[in-house]
Protein backbone atom coordinates (compact mmCIF):
# COMPACT_ATOMS: atom_id res chain seq x y z
CA UNK A 1 0.00 0.00 0.00
CA UNK A 2 1.39 3.39 -0.95
CA UNK A 3 1.80 6.01 1.70
CA UNK A 4 -0.85 8.20 0.01
CA UNK A 5 -3.28 5.32 0.23
CA UNK A 6 -2.47 4.99 3.93
CA UNK A 7 -3.61 8.56 4.55
CA UNK A 8 -6.69 8.14 2.35
CA UNK A 9 -7.60 4.91 4.14
CA UNK A 10 -7.05 6.52 7.56
CA UNK A 11 -9.26 9.50 6.68
CA UNK A 12 -11.96 7.30 5.12
CA UNK A 13 -12.38 5.56 8.49
CA UNK A 14 -12.07 8.75 10.54
CA UNK A 15 -15.06 9.93 12.55
CA UNK A 16 -14.51 13.68 12.97
CA UNK A 17 -16.92 16.63 12.91
CA UNK A 18 -14.54 18.51 10.56
CA UNK A 19 -13.66 15.59 8.28
CA UNK A 20 -14.35 17.60 5.10
CA UNK A 21 -11.99 20.32 6.36
CA UNK A 22 -9.29 17.73 7.11
CA UNK A 23 -9.66 16.34 3.59
CA UNK A 24 -9.38 19.84 2.11
CA UNK A 25 -6.21 20.67 4.10
CA UNK A 26 -4.66 17.38 2.95
CA UNK A 27 -5.59 18.26 -0.64
CA UNK A 28 -3.97 21.70 -0.30
CA UNK A 29 -0.75 20.18 1.06
CA UNK A 30 -0.66 17.61 -1.75
CA UNK A 31 -1.28 20.28 -4.40
CA UNK A 32 1.42 22.57 -3.01
CA UNK A 33 4.33 20.21 -3.62
CA UNK A 34 4.84 16.75 -5.06
CA UNK A 35 8.06 16.59 -3.01
CA UNK A 36 6.15 15.85 0.19
CA UNK A 37 6.18 12.31 1.54
CA UNK A 38 3.08 11.04 3.28
CA UNK A 39 2.38 8.51 6.00
CA UNK A 40 0.23 7.95 9.05
CA UNK A 41 2.38 8.60 12.12
CA UNK A 42 1.79 9.76 15.66
CA UNK A 43 -1.91 8.98 15.29
CA UNK A 44 -2.67 11.05 12.21
CA UNK A 45 -1.83 11.96 8.62
CA UNK A 46 1.76 13.18 8.45
CA UNK A 47 3.79 15.00 5.81
CA UNK A 48 7.58 15.03 5.53
CA UNK A 49 10.16 16.70 3.35
CA UNK A 50 13.63 15.53 4.38
CA UNK A 51 12.37 15.70 7.98
CA UNK A 52 8.93 15.47 9.56
CA UNK A 53 7.12 18.69 8.64
CA UNK A 54 3.55 18.44 9.90
CA UNK A 55 1.10 15.98 11.44
CA UNK A 56 -2.64 16.23 11.92
CA UNK A 57 -4.02 15.59 15.40
CA UNK A 58 -7.46 14.06 14.80
CA UNK A 59 -8.07 13.65 18.54
CA UNK A 60 -8.77 17.38 18.65
CA UNK A 61 -12.37 17.76 17.48
CA UNK A 62 -13.09 21.49 17.97
CA UNK A 63 -10.87 22.39 15.01
CA UNK A 64 -8.50 20.83 12.49
CA UNK A 65 -5.15 20.77 14.28
CA UNK A 66 -2.00 20.60 12.16
CA UNK A 67 1.23 20.45 14.17
CA UNK A 68 4.32 21.81 12.44
CA UNK A 69 7.07 19.94 14.27
CA UNK A 70 9.75 22.62 13.88
CA UNK A 71 7.41 25.52 13.27
CA UNK A 72 9.64 28.02 15.02
CA UNK A 73 12.15 27.62 12.16
CA UNK A 74 9.60 28.88 9.66
CA UNK A 75 9.46 32.45 10.97
CA UNK A 76 5.84 32.62 9.80
CA UNK A 77 4.68 36.13 8.92
CA UNK A 78 1.29 35.03 7.54
CA UNK A 79 -0.32 34.72 10.96
CA UNK A 80 -1.36 31.13 10.22
CA UNK A 81 0.88 29.46 12.78
CA UNK A 82 0.49 29.75 16.54
CA UNK A 83 3.66 29.09 18.56
CA UNK A 84 3.64 25.92 20.63
CA UNK A 85 5.93 24.19 23.11
CA UNK A 86 9.29 22.68 22.17
CA UNK A 87 9.62 24.65 18.92
CA UNK A 88 6.35 23.43 17.48
CA UNK A 89 3.71 25.60 15.84
CA UNK A 90 0.05 24.93 15.19
CA UNK A 91 -2.27 25.72 12.30
CA UNK A 92 -5.89 25.62 13.42
CA UNK A 93 -8.88 25.57 11.12
CA UNK A 94 -12.35 25.88 12.68
CA UNK A 95 -14.38 25.80 9.46
CA UNK A 96 -14.19 25.28 5.70
CA UNK A 97 -14.32 29.07 5.39
CA UNK A 98 -11.07 29.31 7.41
CA UNK A 99 -9.43 26.55 5.33
CA UNK A 100 -10.23 28.44 2.13
CA UNK A 101 -9.26 31.81 3.63
CA UNK A 102 -5.83 30.51 4.69
CA UNK A 103 -5.10 28.35 1.62
CA UNK A 104 -2.35 30.69 0.33
CA UNK A 105 -0.85 31.04 3.83
CA UNK A 106 -0.71 27.26 4.23
CA UNK A 107 0.92 26.90 0.82
CA UNK A 108 3.49 29.58 1.73
CA UNK A 109 4.36 27.79 4.99
CA UNK A 110 4.88 24.51 3.10
CA UNK A 111 7.00 26.17 0.41
CA UNK A 112 9.04 27.93 3.10
CA UNK A 113 9.66 24.53 4.78
CA UNK A 114 10.92 23.06 1.51
CA UNK A 115 13.25 26.05 0.93
CA UNK A 116 14.55 25.75 4.48
CA UNK A 117 15.25 22.02 4.07
CA UNK A 118 16.97 22.60 0.71
CA UNK A 119 19.50 25.06 2.18
C-alpha atoms as a PDB file:
ATOM      1  CA  UNK A   1       0.000   0.000   0.000  1.00  0.00           C
ATOM      2  CA  UNK A   2       1.385   3.386  -0.953  1.00  0.00           C
ATOM      3  CA  UNK A   3       1.797   6.014   1.699  1.00  0.00           C
ATOM      4  CA  UNK A   4      -0.847   8.199   0.006  1.00  0.00           C
ATOM      5  CA  UNK A   5      -3.283   5.319   0.226  1.00  0.00           C
ATOM      6  CA  UNK A   6      -2.466   4.994   3.935  1.00  0.00           C
ATOM      7  CA  UNK A   7      -3.615   8.560   4.546  1.00  0.00           C
ATOM      8  CA  UNK A   8      -6.688   8.137   2.354  1.00  0.00           C
ATOM      9  CA  UNK A   9      -7.601   4.908   4.143  1.00  0.00           C
ATOM     10  CA  UNK A  10      -7.053   6.522   7.559  1.00  0.00           C
ATOM     11  CA  UNK A  11      -9.255   9.499   6.675  1.00  0.00           C
ATOM     12  CA  UNK A  12     -11.964   7.304   5.125  1.00  0.00           C
ATOM     13  CA  UNK A  13     -12.383   5.558   8.494  1.00  0.00           C
ATOM     14  CA  UNK A  14     -12.071   8.754  10.543  1.00  0.00           C
ATOM     15  CA  UNK A  15     -15.056   9.935  12.554  1.00  0.00           C
ATOM     16  CA  UNK A  16     -14.507  13.678  12.973  1.00  0.00           C
ATOM     17  CA  UNK A  17     -16.916  16.630  12.909  1.00  0.00           C
ATOM     18  CA  UNK A  18     -14.543  18.507  10.564  1.00  0.00           C
ATOM     19  CA  UNK A  19     -13.661  15.589   8.279  1.00  0.00           C
ATOM     20  CA  UNK A  20     -14.346  17.599   5.100  1.00  0.00           C
ATOM     21  CA  UNK A  21     -11.991  20.323   6.357  1.00  0.00           C
ATOM     22  CA  UNK A  22      -9.292  17.727   7.112  1.00  0.00           C
ATOM     23  CA  UNK A  23      -9.655  16.342   3.587  1.00  0.00           C
ATOM     24  CA  UNK A  24      -9.375  19.840   2.112  1.00  0.00           C
ATOM     25  CA  UNK A  25      -6.214  20.672   4.103  1.00  0.00           C
ATOM     26  CA  UNK A  26      -4.656  17.376   2.955  1.00  0.00           C
ATOM     27  CA  UNK A  27      -5.592  18.259  -0.636  1.00  0.00           C
ATOM     28  CA  UNK A  28      -3.972  21.703  -0.300  1.00  0.00           C
ATOM     29  CA  UNK A  29      -0.748  20.178   1.060  1.00  0.00           C
ATOM     30  CA  UNK A  30      -0.663  17.613  -1.754  1.00  0.00           C
ATOM     31  CA  UNK A  31      -1.277  20.281  -4.402  1.00  0.00           C
ATOM     32  CA  UNK A  32       1.422  22.565  -3.005  1.00  0.00           C
ATOM     33  CA  UNK A  33       4.326  20.208  -3.621  1.00  0.00           C
ATOM     34  CA  UNK A  34       4.839  16.753  -5.057  1.00  0.00           C
ATOM     35  CA  UNK A  35       8.060  16.595  -3.005  1.00  0.00           C
ATOM     36  CA  UNK A  36       6.151  15.851   0.192  1.00  0.00           C
ATOM     37  CA  UNK A  37       6.181  12.314   1.540  1.00  0.00           C
ATOM     38  CA  UNK A  38       3.081  11.041   3.284  1.00  0.00           C
ATOM     39  CA  UNK A  39       2.383   8.514   6.000  1.00  0.00           C
ATOM     40  CA  UNK A  40       0.235   7.951   9.052  1.00  0.00           C
ATOM     41  CA  UNK A  41       2.380   8.605  12.121  1.00  0.00           C
ATOM     42  CA  UNK A  42       1.793   9.763  15.659  1.00  0.00           C
ATOM     43  CA  UNK A  43      -1.909   8.976  15.290  1.00  0.00           C
ATOM     44  CA  UNK A  44      -2.668  11.052  12.211  1.00  0.00           C
ATOM     45  CA  UNK A  45      -1.829  11.961   8.619  1.00  0.00           C
ATOM     46  CA  UNK A  46       1.758  13.175   8.451  1.00  0.00           C
ATOM     47  CA  UNK A  47       3.786  14.997   5.807  1.00  0.00           C
ATOM     48  CA  UNK A  48       7.578  15.032   5.533  1.00  0.00           C
ATOM     49  CA  UNK A  49      10.156  16.697   3.352  1.00  0.00           C
ATOM     50  CA  UNK A  50      13.632  15.527   4.380  1.00  0.00           C
ATOM     51  CA  UNK A  51      12.366  15.699   7.982  1.00  0.00           C
ATOM     52  CA  UNK A  52       8.931  15.474   9.564  1.00  0.00           C
ATOM     53  CA  UNK A  53       7.119  18.695   8.637  1.00  0.00           C
ATOM     54  CA  UNK A  54       3.547  18.437   9.899  1.00  0.00           C
ATOM     55  CA  UNK A  55       1.098  15.978  11.438  1.00  0.00           C
ATOM     56  CA  UNK A  56      -2.644  16.231  11.924  1.00  0.00           C
ATOM     57  CA  UNK A  57      -4.018  15.589  15.403  1.00  0.00           C
ATOM     58  CA  UNK A  58      -7.461  14.061  14.801  1.00  0.00           C
ATOM     59  CA  UNK A  59      -8.071  13.654  18.539  1.00  0.00           C
ATOM     60  CA  UNK A  60      -8.771  17.384  18.653  1.00  0.00           C
ATOM     61  CA  UNK A  61     -12.370  17.762  17.478  1.00  0.00           C
ATOM     62  CA  UNK A  62     -13.092  21.490  17.971  1.00  0.00           C
ATOM     63  CA  UNK A  63     -10.873  22.389  15.006  1.00  0.00           C
ATOM     64  CA  UNK A  64      -8.498  20.832  12.494  1.00  0.00           C
ATOM     65  CA  UNK A  65      -5.149  20.770  14.275  1.00  0.00           C
ATOM     66  CA  UNK A  66      -1.996  20.600  12.157  1.00  0.00           C
ATOM     67  CA  UNK A  67       1.226  20.452  14.169  1.00  0.00           C
ATOM     68  CA  UNK A  68       4.316  21.806  12.440  1.00  0.00           C
ATOM     69  CA  UNK A  69       7.074  19.936  14.267  1.00  0.00           C
ATOM     70  CA  UNK A  70       9.747  22.622  13.881  1.00  0.00           C
ATOM     71  CA  UNK A  71       7.406  25.516  13.271  1.00  0.00           C
ATOM     72  CA  UNK A  72       9.639  28.023  15.018  1.00  0.00           C
ATOM     73  CA  UNK A  73      12.153  27.618  12.165  1.00  0.00           C
ATOM     74  CA  UNK A  74       9.600  28.885   9.662  1.00  0.00           C
ATOM     75  CA  UNK A  75       9.457  32.455  10.973  1.00  0.00           C
ATOM     76  CA  UNK A  76       5.843  32.618   9.797  1.00  0.00           C
ATOM     77  CA  UNK A  77       4.678  36.129   8.918  1.00  0.00           C
ATOM     78  CA  UNK A  78       1.293  35.025   7.540  1.00  0.00           C
ATOM     79  CA  UNK A  79      -0.323  34.717  10.956  1.00  0.00           C
ATOM     80  CA  UNK A  80      -1.360  31.134  10.218  1.00  0.00           C
ATOM     81  CA  UNK A  81       0.880  29.463  12.782  1.00  0.00           C
ATOM     82  CA  UNK A  82       0.493  29.745  16.535  1.00  0.00           C
ATOM     83  CA  UNK A  83       3.664  29.093  18.560  1.00  0.00           C
ATOM     84  CA  UNK A  84       3.645  25.920  20.632  1.00  0.00           C
ATOM     85  CA  UNK A  85       5.932  24.187  23.112  1.00  0.00           C
ATOM     86  CA  UNK A  86       9.291  22.678  22.174  1.00  0.00           C
ATOM     87  CA  UNK A  87       9.622  24.652  18.921  1.00  0.00           C
ATOM     88  CA  UNK A  88       6.351  23.428  17.482  1.00  0.00           C
ATOM     89  CA  UNK A  89       3.712  25.605  15.844  1.00  0.00           C
ATOM     90  CA  UNK A  90       0.051  24.934  15.190  1.00  0.00           C
ATOM     91  CA  UNK A  91      -2.268  25.717  12.304  1.00  0.00           C
ATOM     92  CA  UNK A  92      -5.894  25.620  13.425  1.00  0.00           C
ATOM     93  CA  UNK A  93      -8.882  25.568  11.116  1.00  0.00           C
ATOM     94  CA  UNK A  94     -12.353  25.875  12.681  1.00  0.00           C
ATOM     95  CA  UNK A  95     -14.380  25.796   9.462  1.00  0.00           C
ATOM     96  CA  UNK A  96     -14.189  25.278   5.700  1.00  0.00           C
ATOM     97  CA  UNK A  97     -14.315  29.067   5.389  1.00  0.00           C
ATOM     98  CA  UNK A  98     -11.066  29.307   7.406  1.00  0.00           C
ATOM     99  CA  UNK A  99      -9.431  26.553   5.334  1.00  0.00           C
ATOM    100  CA  UNK A 100     -10.228  28.439   2.131  1.00  0.00           C
ATOM    101  CA  UNK A 101      -9.259  31.813   3.627  1.00  0.00           C
ATOM    102  CA  UNK A 102      -5.832  30.507   4.686  1.00  0.00           C
ATOM    103  CA  UNK A 103      -5.101  28.355   1.618  1.00  0.00           C
ATOM    104  CA  UNK A 104      -2.351  30.688   0.330  1.00  0.00           C
ATOM    105  CA  UNK A 105      -0.848  31.039   3.826  1.00  0.00           C
ATOM    106  CA  UNK A 106      -0.708  27.259   4.233  1.00  0.00           C
ATOM    107  CA  UNK A 107       0.923  26.902   0.825  1.00  0.00           C
ATOM    108  CA  UNK A 108       3.493  29.578   1.735  1.00  0.00           C
ATOM    109  CA  UNK A 109       4.363  27.791   4.995  1.00  0.00           C
ATOM    110  CA  UNK A 110       4.876  24.512   3.104  1.00  0.00           C
ATOM    111  CA  UNK A 111       7.000  26.172   0.411  1.00  0.00           C
ATOM    112  CA  UNK A 112       9.040  27.929   3.105  1.00  0.00           C
ATOM    113  CA  UNK A 113       9.662  24.534   4.782  1.00  0.00           C
ATOM    114  CA  UNK A 114      10.924  23.062   1.506  1.00  0.00           C
ATOM    115  CA  UNK A 115      13.246  26.052   0.934  1.00  0.00           C
ATOM    116  CA  UNK A 116      14.549  25.749   4.477  1.00  0.00           C
ATOM    117  CA  UNK A 117      15.248  22.023   4.072  1.00  0.00           C
ATOM    118  CA  UNK A 118      16.973  22.596   0.713  1.00  0.00           C
ATOM    119  CA  UNK A 119      19.501  25.062   2.178  1.00  0.00           C
END
